[in-house]
Every structure is written in C-alpha cells, then in structure tokens.
C-alpha cells in the first residue's frame, strides 16, 4: 500500500483495511529489544528524541523496509536516523561502532 496521490496512506496506515490476523501471543522480550526501549526512554528524558520524531521516522521508512522490519527494528532505524539528523552521532562514528561489535 504505497503512498500516492490516489492513495495518500503509507504502509503504516492500515485503518479500515484488511490486514490479516494479529498475533496476540505474549513473548518474553529479547535483550536487544529491552535495550532499544531503554535507549528510547533515555533519549526522550535527555530531550534528544520525542515520540513524534520516533513515529515520523518509522512512518518514513517506506513500504518495503516497513514491511520487512519488526517492531523494535523499526524503532532502532528511526532512533538512528534521528540521532544522525540531530548531529548527536555521525555516520563515521556509527560505522566504527558497528565494525567493533
């Protein structure tokens, strides 16, 4: 469901459309998911990421990426883009950290 003039909805906007079954089963969050949530909370407390910025970043992922990524994967993509946009981190710093594991 790509956004267009004929269809102004993004892939995140499923309101009123058939979306298939919803998995309502509970699961224990993975450690990385807990860390992403903690990072979001800390960045919010520091004034470096608002809920609106997080949502805008998720909505801007595009249909392919939005559909491919899971819930917290979308969060980390949005957090990363927002931190890069604000100049909190640079692409070089991010690449160095990813390489060092």
Protein backbone atom coordinates (compact mmCIF):
# COMPACT_ATOMS: atom_id res chain seq x y z
CA UNK A 1 0.00 0.00 0.00
CA UNK A 2 2.34 2.72 -1.23
CA UNK A 3 1.59 6.36 -0.62
CA UNK A 4 0.48 8.21 -3.75
CA UNK A 5 -1.89 10.93 -4.86
CA UNK A 6 -4.58 8.28 -5.42
CA UNK A 7 -3.76 6.57 -2.11
CA UNK A 8 -2.30 9.00 0.45
CA UNK A 9 -1.78 6.23 3.02
CA UNK A 10 1.63 4.99 3.99
CA UNK A 11 2.39 1.34 4.74
CA UNK A 12 1.89 2.01 8.46
CA UNK A 13 -1.70 3.26 7.98
CA UNK A 14 -3.91 0.19 7.91
CA UNK A 15 -7.02 1.76 9.43
CA UNK A 16 -10.14 0.28 7.84
CA UNK A 17 -8.27 -2.10 5.54
CA UNK A 18 -7.91 -5.88 5.84
CA UNK A 19 -4.55 -6.60 7.43
CA UNK A 20 -4.77 -10.30 8.17
CA UNK A 21 -4.63 -12.00 11.55
CA UNK A 22 -2.93 -10.36 14.52
CA UNK A 23 -0.55 -12.42 16.62
CA UNK A 24 -1.74 -11.67 20.15
CA UNK A 25 0.57 -14.13 21.85
CA UNK A 26 2.84 -12.74 24.53
CA UNK A 27 6.56 -13.26 24.32
CA UNK A 28 9.49 -12.52 26.54
CA UNK A 29 11.31 -9.50 25.07
CA UNK A 30 14.80 -10.23 23.78
CA UNK A 31 17.66 -8.39 25.49
CA UNK A 32 18.22 -6.20 22.41
CA UNK A 33 14.53 -5.20 22.40
CA UNK A 34 14.77 -4.17 26.06
CA UNK A 35 17.88 -2.14 25.22
CA UNK A 36 16.16 -0.37 22.33
CA UNK A 37 13.26 0.55 24.61
CA UNK A 38 15.66 1.76 27.32
CA UNK A 39 17.55 3.84 24.74
CA UNK A 40 14.31 5.41 23.55
CA UNK A 41 13.36 6.29 27.13
CA UNK A 42 16.77 7.77 27.94
CA UNK A 43 16.90 9.80 24.73
CA UNK A 44 13.43 11.14 25.48
CA UNK A 45 14.47 12.14 29.01
CA UNK A 46 17.50 13.94 27.55
CA UNK A 47 15.33 15.82 25.05
CA UNK A 48 17.04 14.09 22.12
CA UNK A 49 14.05 12.14 20.79
CA UNK A 50 10.34 12.85 21.07
CA UNK A 51 7.53 10.37 20.49
CA UNK A 52 6.57 12.40 17.41
CA UNK A 53 10.11 12.14 16.00
CA UNK A 54 10.15 8.39 16.62
CA UNK A 55 6.79 7.98 14.88
CA UNK A 56 7.75 10.24 11.96
CA UNK A 57 10.93 8.22 11.43
CA UNK A 58 9.01 4.96 11.43
CA UNK A 59 6.41 6.32 9.02
CA UNK A 60 9.19 7.50 6.68
CA UNK A 61 10.75 4.04 6.31
CA UNK A 62 8.95 3.27 3.07
CA UNK A 63 6.77 0.29 2.27
CA UNK A 64 9.49 -2.31 1.63
CA UNK A 65 11.53 -1.53 4.74
CA UNK A 66 8.47 -1.02 6.95
CA UNK A 67 7.07 -4.41 5.89
CA UNK A 68 10.39 -6.23 6.29
CA UNK A 69 11.36 -4.89 9.73
CA UNK A 70 9.92 -5.95 13.05
CA UNK A 71 8.54 -3.61 15.72
CA UNK A 72 11.79 -2.78 17.55
CA UNK A 73 13.80 -2.89 14.33
CA UNK A 74 11.64 0.00 13.11
CA UNK A 75 12.34 1.80 16.38
CA UNK A 76 16.11 1.45 16.08
CA UNK A 77 16.04 2.61 12.45
CA UNK A 78 14.09 5.70 13.47
CA UNK A 79 16.27 6.37 16.51
CA UNK A 80 19.42 6.08 14.39
CA UNK A 81 18.12 8.44 11.69
CA UNK A 82 17.01 10.99 14.29
CA UNK A 83 20.38 10.93 16.08
CA UNK A 84 22.18 11.35 12.75
CA UNK A 85 19.85 14.21 11.75
CA UNK A 86 20.43 15.99 15.07
CA UNK A 87 24.20 15.54 14.83
CA UNK A 88 24.34 13.53 18.06
CA UNK A 89 26.27 10.84 16.19
CA UNK A 90 27.99 10.85 12.81
CA UNK A 91 27.89 8.18 10.14
CA UNK A 92 31.62 7.57 10.76
CA UNK A 93 31.01 7.02 14.48
CA UNK A 94 28.14 4.69 13.71
CA UNK A 95 30.22 2.70 11.21
CA UNK A 96 33.12 2.44 13.68
CA UNK A 97 30.83 1.17 16.42
CA UNK A 98 29.14 -1.35 14.12
CA UNK A 99 32.54 -2.66 12.97
CA UNK A 100 33.83 -3.04 16.53
CA UNK A 101 30.73 -5.02 17.53
